[in-house]
C-alpha atoms as a PDB file:
ATOM      1  CA  MET A   1       5.434   0.321   1.379  1.00  0.00           C
ATOM      2  CA  THR A   2       6.838  -3.161   1.767  1.00  0.00           C
ATOM      3  CA  THR A   3       9.465  -4.900   3.826  1.00  0.00           C
ATOM      4  CA  VAL A   4      12.151  -7.336   2.717  1.00  0.00           C
ATOM      5  CA  GLY A   5      13.985  -8.751   5.701  1.00  0.00           C
ATOM      6  CA  PRO A   6      15.236  -5.731   7.672  1.00  0.00           C
ATOM      7  CA  LEU A   7      14.686  -3.273   4.762  1.00  0.00           C
ATOM      8  CA  THR A   8      11.677  -1.022   4.256  1.00  0.00           C
ATOM      9  CA  LEU A   9      10.958  -0.182   0.629  1.00  0.00           C
ATOM     10  CA  THR A  10       9.066   3.072   0.074  1.00  0.00           C
ATOM     11  CA  HIS A  11       6.746   3.777  -2.823  1.00  0.00           C
ATOM     12  CA  PRO A  12       8.718   4.947  -5.871  1.00  0.00           C
ATOM     13  CA  ALA A  13       6.274   7.799  -6.607  1.00  0.00           C
ATOM     14  CA  ALA A  14       4.072  10.152  -4.612  1.00  0.00           C
ATOM     15  CA  ARG A  15       0.989   8.262  -5.817  1.00  0.00           C
ATOM     16  CA  VAL A  16       1.015   4.503  -6.419  1.00  0.00           C
ATOM     17  CA  GLU A  17      -2.129   2.983  -7.942  1.00  0.00           C
ATOM     18  CA  HIS A  18      -1.402  -0.710  -7.415  1.00  0.00           C
ATOM     19  CA  ILE A  19       1.389  -3.223  -6.786  1.00  0.00           C
ATOM     20  CA  GLY A  20       1.458  -6.577  -8.574  1.00  0.00           C
ATOM     21  CA  PHE A  21       3.730  -9.069  -6.814  1.00  0.00           C
ATOM     22  CA  HIS A  22       5.109 -11.966  -8.835  1.00  0.00           C
ATOM     23  CA  GLN A  23       7.913 -14.486  -8.964  1.00  0.00           C
ATOM     24  CA  SER A  24      11.341 -13.107  -9.791  1.00  0.00           C
ATOM     25  CA  GLY A  25      13.470 -14.566 -12.552  1.00  0.00           C
ATOM     26  CA  HIS A  26      16.491 -14.311 -10.231  1.00  0.00           C
ATOM     27  CA  ASP A  27      17.434 -17.019  -7.736  1.00  0.00           C
ATOM     28  CA  GLY A  28      17.848 -15.646  -4.241  1.00  0.00           C
ATOM     29  CA  SER A  29      15.069 -13.084  -4.499  1.00  0.00           C
ATOM     30  CA  GLN A  30      13.336 -12.555  -1.174  1.00  0.00           C
ATOM     31  CA  GLY A  31       9.636 -12.261  -0.507  1.00  0.00           C
ATOM     32  CA  GLN A  32       8.202  -8.802   0.115  1.00  0.00           C
ATOM     33  CA  PHE A  33       5.498  -8.116   2.671  1.00  0.00           C
ATOM     34  CA  THR A  34       3.119  -5.165   2.481  1.00  0.00           C
ATOM     35  CA  MET A  35       2.659  -2.716   5.328  1.00  0.00           C
ATOM     36  CA  GLU A  36      -0.616  -1.044   6.335  1.00  0.00           C
ATOM     37  CA  SER A  37       0.434   2.113   4.480  1.00  0.00           C
ATOM     38  CA  SER A  38       1.032   0.200   1.229  1.00  0.00           C
ATOM     39  CA  ALA A  39      -0.925   0.792  -1.959  1.00  0.00           C
ATOM     40  CA  PRO A  40      -3.441  -1.944  -2.835  1.00  0.00           C
ATOM     41  CA  SER A  41      -1.697  -5.090  -4.061  1.00  0.00           C
ATOM     42  CA  THR A  42      -2.254  -8.431  -5.757  1.00  0.00           C
ATOM     43  CA  VAL A  43      -0.117 -11.569  -5.719  1.00  0.00           C
ATOM     44  CA  LEU A  44      -0.086 -12.925  -9.271  1.00  0.00           C
ATOM     45  CA  GLU A  45      -0.309 -16.577 -10.284  1.00  0.00           C
ATOM     46  CA  ASP A  46       2.629 -18.941  -9.956  1.00  0.00           C
ATOM     47  CA  ARG A  47       4.981 -18.603 -12.939  1.00  0.00           C
ATOM     48  CA  GLY A  48       6.790 -21.882 -12.322  1.00  0.00           C
ATOM     49  CA  ARG A  49      10.083 -20.150 -11.494  1.00  0.00           C
ATOM     50  CA  ASN A  50      10.804 -21.837  -8.154  1.00  0.00           C
ATOM     51  CA  THR A  51      11.139 -18.435  -6.439  1.00  0.00           C
ATOM     52  CA  GLU A  52       9.018 -16.548  -3.889  1.00  0.00           C
ATOM     53  CA  ARG A  53       5.644 -15.426  -5.299  1.00  0.00           C
ATOM     54  CA  THR A  54       6.295 -11.955  -3.835  1.00  0.00           C
ATOM     55  CA  GLY A  55       9.973 -11.776  -4.839  1.00  0.00           C
ATOM     56  CA  ALA A  56       9.391  -9.121  -7.514  1.00  0.00           C
ATOM     57  CA  ALA A  57       6.853  -6.345  -8.009  1.00  0.00           C
ATOM     58  CA  ASP A  58       5.373  -4.310 -10.822  1.00  0.00           C
ATOM     59  CA  VAL A  59       4.285  -0.910  -9.526  1.00  0.00           C
ATOM     60  CA  VAL A  60       1.578   1.085 -11.319  1.00  0.00           C
ATOM     61  CA  VAL A  61       2.166   4.852 -11.283  1.00  0.00           C
ATOM     62  CA  ASP A  62       1.285   7.798 -13.503  1.00  0.00           C
ATOM     63  CA  PRO A  63       3.744   7.649 -16.423  1.00  0.00           C
ATOM     64  CA  THR A  64       4.508  11.358 -15.988  1.00  0.00           C
ATOM     65  CA  ALA A  65       5.276  11.043 -12.263  1.00  0.00           C
ATOM     66  CA  GLU A  66       8.716  11.651 -10.813  1.00  0.00           C
ATOM     67  CA  ILE A  67      10.250   8.297  -9.857  1.00  0.00           C
ATOM     68  CA  ARG A  68      12.506   7.985  -6.837  1.00  0.00           C
ATOM     69  CA  SER A  69      14.556   5.150  -5.405  1.00  0.00           C
ATOM     70  CA  PRO A  70      12.656   2.992  -2.906  1.00  0.00           C
ATOM     71  CA  VAL A  71      15.788   2.486  -0.754  1.00  0.00           C
ATOM     72  CA  THR A  72      19.057   4.236   0.009  1.00  0.00           C
ATOM     73  CA  GLY A  73      22.339   2.680  -1.054  1.00  0.00           C
ATOM     74  CA  THR A  74      24.511   2.021  -4.073  1.00  0.00           C
ATOM     75  CA  VAL A  75      23.420   0.453  -7.357  1.00  0.00           C
ATOM     76  CA  ILE A  76      25.522  -2.666  -7.898  1.00  0.00           C
ATOM     77  CA  ARG A  77      23.877  -3.945 -11.062  1.00  0.00           C
ATOM     78  CA  ALA A  78      21.584  -2.544 -13.723  1.00  0.00           C
ATOM     79  CA  GLY A  79      20.523  -3.672 -17.132  1.00  0.00           C
ATOM     80  CA  GLY A  80      17.791  -3.815 -19.693  1.00  0.00           C
ATOM     81  CA  TYR A  81      14.559  -5.698 -19.325  1.00  0.00           C
ATOM     82  CA  ILE A  82      12.437  -7.334 -21.985  1.00  0.00           C
ATOM     83  CA  PRO A  83       8.864  -7.921 -20.789  1.00  0.00           C
ATOM     84  CA  THR A  84       7.465 -11.399 -21.310  1.00  0.00           C
ATOM     85  CA  ALA A  85       3.795 -10.366 -21.142  1.00  0.00           C
ATOM     86  CA  THR A  86       1.879  -8.634 -23.870  1.00  0.00           C
ATOM     87  CA  THR A  87       0.103  -5.350 -23.322  1.00  0.00           C
ATOM     88  CA  ARG A  88      -3.553  -5.162 -24.233  1.00  0.00           C
ATOM     89  CA  THR A  89      -5.145  -1.896 -25.125  1.00  0.00           C
ATOM     90  CA  THR A  90      -8.833  -1.164 -25.290  1.00  0.00           C
ATOM     91  CA  SER A  91     -10.596   1.365 -27.423  1.00  0.00           C
ATOM     92  CA  SER A  92     -13.496   3.393 -26.161  1.00  0.00           C
END
């Protein structure tokens, strides 16, 4: 779980493996702060975006897990996302 100003964001799944905080691509993003009950987390390297280093988060969960909203409220904007990082796979 994290906090952003007066809001508490809950984990989006029953089991969260890890949270990777990073800079948001959106001006005005606010830093998030972990709580004691939060999953383990890492703050990633500066991306040169001039935003808070904890303004966005990638959350690692089981891909088959049910996902739920981390806050109550109304969605005011949604859209697609094109990742900028590449995914590496390893063979065993």
